[in-house]
Amino acid sequence: MDRTAAPRDQHSEAVRAGDLARSSYYYEGAGESDKNLRLMRLLDEQYTKTPYYGIRRMTAWLQAAGHEVNHKHVARILRLMGLEAIYPKRRLSQGGPGHKIYPYLLNGLRIGRPNQVWGTDITYIRLRRDSSTSWQSWTGTAGMCWPGRSP
């Protein structure tokens, strides 16, 4: 048998050189248990329905369904599956590439009299169906509006 013709990979060379233990070279992981595979399927289905559920909510949901799990187990499975709750991350208001940055037109302007500069910010809060809408401007002026009536 000609050993020089056999292809060599870097791991087998590391074993020969003594840099890697033979047990590490031949080790095969045990894989996931049937219980974990069941939990993975359930978590995947629930994540599809409610992608905003985090580890704590997923844990509570599984416990309510009768599964004995803790948050560490759920966190490991979700990390293994590459799932993460959808929520606003940091720096979301950063402009994208090619986004035009508009200049600040009031820079260097000395505001010294009333009504020289105006601005507004209207915040809409949906309370209930057929309910009122509240708003507030930058100056602190507040108001209420009912359906069918203008402010």
Protein backbone atom coordinates (compact mmCIF):
# COMPACT_ATOMS: atom_id res chain seq x y z
CA MET A 1 0.00 0.00 0.00
CA ASP A 2 1.43 3.33 -1.06
CA ARG A 3 0.79 5.89 1.70
CA THR A 4 2.29 8.79 -0.24
CA ALA A 5 -0.51 8.65 -2.84
CA ALA A 6 -3.27 9.13 -0.23
CA PRO A 7 -4.51 12.72 0.07
CA ARG A 8 -3.50 14.46 3.29
CA ASP A 9 -5.56 17.09 5.01
CA GLN A 10 -4.22 19.51 7.57
CA HIS A 11 -5.93 17.73 10.49
CA SER A 12 -4.29 14.38 9.83
CA GLU A 13 -0.94 16.15 9.50
CA ALA A 14 -1.58 17.88 12.83
CA VAL A 15 -2.29 14.47 14.42
CA ARG A 16 0.98 13.10 13.01
CA ALA A 17 2.90 16.12 14.26
CA GLY A 18 1.38 15.77 17.73
CA ASP A 19 -0.36 19.15 17.65
CA LEU A 20 -3.84 17.59 17.76
CA ALA A 21 -4.98 14.69 19.91
CA ARG A 22 -6.21 11.66 17.98
CA SER A 23 -9.40 11.61 20.09
CA SER A 24 -10.19 15.16 18.92
CA TYR A 25 -9.59 14.17 15.32
CA TYR A 26 -12.02 11.25 15.43
CA TYR A 27 -14.61 12.87 17.74
CA GLU A 28 -18.16 13.11 16.39
CA GLY A 29 -20.76 15.09 18.30
CA ALA A 30 -23.75 13.27 19.72
CA GLY A 31 -26.25 15.59 18.00
CA GLU A 32 -29.45 16.88 19.51
CA SER A 33 -31.80 14.76 21.59
CA ASP A 34 -35.36 14.00 20.51
CA LYS A 35 -36.63 16.35 23.22
CA ASN A 36 -34.51 19.21 21.87
CA LEU A 37 -35.62 18.50 18.29
CA ARG A 38 -39.27 18.65 19.44
CA LEU A 39 -38.58 21.93 21.26
CA MET A 40 -36.83 23.28 18.15
CA ARG A 41 -39.86 22.52 16.02
CA LEU A 42 -42.21 24.16 18.55
CA LEU A 43 -39.99 27.22 18.92
CA ASP A 44 -39.71 27.56 15.14
CA GLU A 45 -43.50 27.45 14.73
CA GLN A 46 -44.02 29.97 17.54
CA TYR A 47 -41.27 32.23 16.18
CA THR A 48 -43.02 32.24 12.80
CA LYS A 49 -46.24 33.40 14.50
CA THR A 50 -44.66 35.85 16.96
CA PRO A 51 -41.13 36.87 15.91
CA TYR A 52 -41.10 39.60 18.58
CA TYR A 53 -41.12 37.04 21.43
CA GLY A 54 -37.81 37.02 23.29
CA ILE A 55 -36.27 34.29 25.40
CA ARG A 56 -38.41 35.01 28.45
CA ARG A 57 -41.70 34.98 26.55
CA MET A 58 -40.74 31.83 24.63
CA THR A 59 -39.83 30.16 27.93
CA ALA A 60 -43.14 31.18 29.49
CA TRP A 61 -45.01 29.96 26.41
CA LEU A 62 -43.29 26.55 26.53
CA GLN A 63 -43.87 26.24 30.27
CA ALA A 64 -47.56 27.08 29.81
CA ALA A 65 -47.71 24.32 27.19
CA GLY A 66 -46.41 21.85 29.79
CA HIS A 67 -42.72 21.60 28.86
CA GLU A 68 -40.13 21.67 31.63
CA VAL A 69 -37.56 24.18 30.36
CA ASN A 70 -35.73 27.15 31.78
CA HIS A 71 -34.56 30.33 30.08
CA LYS A 72 -30.99 29.03 29.64
CA HIS A 73 -32.20 26.00 27.71
CA VAL A 74 -34.45 28.11 25.47
CA ALA A 75 -31.64 30.63 24.92
CA ARG A 76 -29.24 27.85 23.83
CA ILE A 77 -31.76 26.38 21.40
CA LEU A 78 -32.68 29.76 19.88
CA ARG A 79 -28.99 30.66 19.53
CA LEU A 80 -28.33 27.27 17.91
CA MET A 81 -31.18 27.88 15.44
CA GLY A 82 -30.02 31.44 14.76
CA LEU A 83 -33.31 32.97 15.92
CA GLU A 84 -33.49 36.30 17.68
CA ALA A 85 -36.44 38.48 18.66
CA ILE A 86 -37.28 41.29 16.28
CA TYR A 87 -37.09 44.59 18.12
CA PRO A 88 -35.69 48.05 17.43
CA LYS A 89 -31.93 47.82 17.54
CA ARG A 90 -29.46 50.59 18.29
CA ARG A 91 -28.67 53.25 15.68
CA LEU A 92 -31.78 52.68 13.59
CA SER A 93 -32.09 56.36 12.80
CA GLN A 94 -28.75 56.41 11.00
CA GLY A 95 -29.11 57.29 7.35
CA GLY A 96 -28.44 54.67 4.74
CA PRO A 97 -25.82 54.90 2.02
CA GLY A 98 -26.72 57.61 -0.49
CA HIS A 99 -29.13 59.28 1.94
CA LYS A 100 -29.05 63.07 1.51
CA ILE A 101 -28.29 65.03 4.66
CA TYR A 102 -30.19 68.29 4.70
CA PRO A 103 -28.49 71.34 6.24
CA TYR A 104 -29.70 72.85 9.49
CA LEU A 105 -31.07 76.19 8.31
CA LEU A 106 -31.24 77.80 11.77
CA ASN A 107 -27.53 77.35 12.49
CA GLY A 108 -26.04 80.66 13.64
CA LEU A 109 -29.45 82.41 13.65
CA ARG A 110 -30.11 84.38 16.82
CA ILE A 111 -33.74 83.92 17.79
CA GLY A 112 -34.73 87.02 19.68
CA ARG A 113 -38.41 87.72 19.15
CA PRO A 114 -41.68 85.79 19.36
CA ASN A 115 -42.92 83.99 16.23
CA GLN A 116 -39.51 84.31 14.55
CA VAL A 117 -39.15 80.54 14.20
CA TRP A 118 -41.94 78.01 14.11
CA GLY A 119 -41.92 74.24 14.40
CA THR A 120 -44.38 71.49 15.10
CA ASP A 121 -44.50 67.82 15.93
CA ILE A 122 -47.83 66.04 15.81
CA THR A 123 -48.01 62.75 17.68
CA TYR A 124 -50.96 60.49 16.88
CA ILE A 125 -51.97 58.00 19.54
CA ARG A 126 -54.74 55.54 18.66
CA LEU A 127 -56.71 55.03 21.85
CA ARG A 128 -59.77 52.98 20.84
CA ARG A 129 -62.18 52.76 17.97
CA ASP A 130 -64.41 55.88 17.88
CA SER A 131 -62.30 57.54 20.54
CA SER A 132 -60.46 60.82 20.65
CA THR A 133 -57.02 61.63 19.27
CA SER A 134 -54.63 63.71 21.31
CA TRP A 135 -51.78 65.82 20.00
CA GLN A 136 -49.16 68.20 21.34
CA SER A 137 -46.95 70.73 19.58
CA TRP A 138 -43.37 71.73 20.44
CA THR A 139 -44.58 74.82 22.25
CA GLY A 140 -46.62 72.73 24.66
CA THR A 141 -49.98 73.50 23.10
CA ALA A 142 -52.14 70.41 23.46
CA GLY A 143 -55.48 69.47 22.00
CA MET A 144 -58.05 66.75 21.61
CA CYS A 145 -59.98 65.80 18.52
CA TRP A 146 -63.04 63.55 18.26
CA PRO A 147 -64.07 61.74 15.08
CA GLY A 148 -65.99 63.97 12.69
CA ARG A 149 -64.65 67.18 14.22
CA SER A 150 -61.55 69.15 13.27
CA PRO A 151 -59.18 70.64 15.90
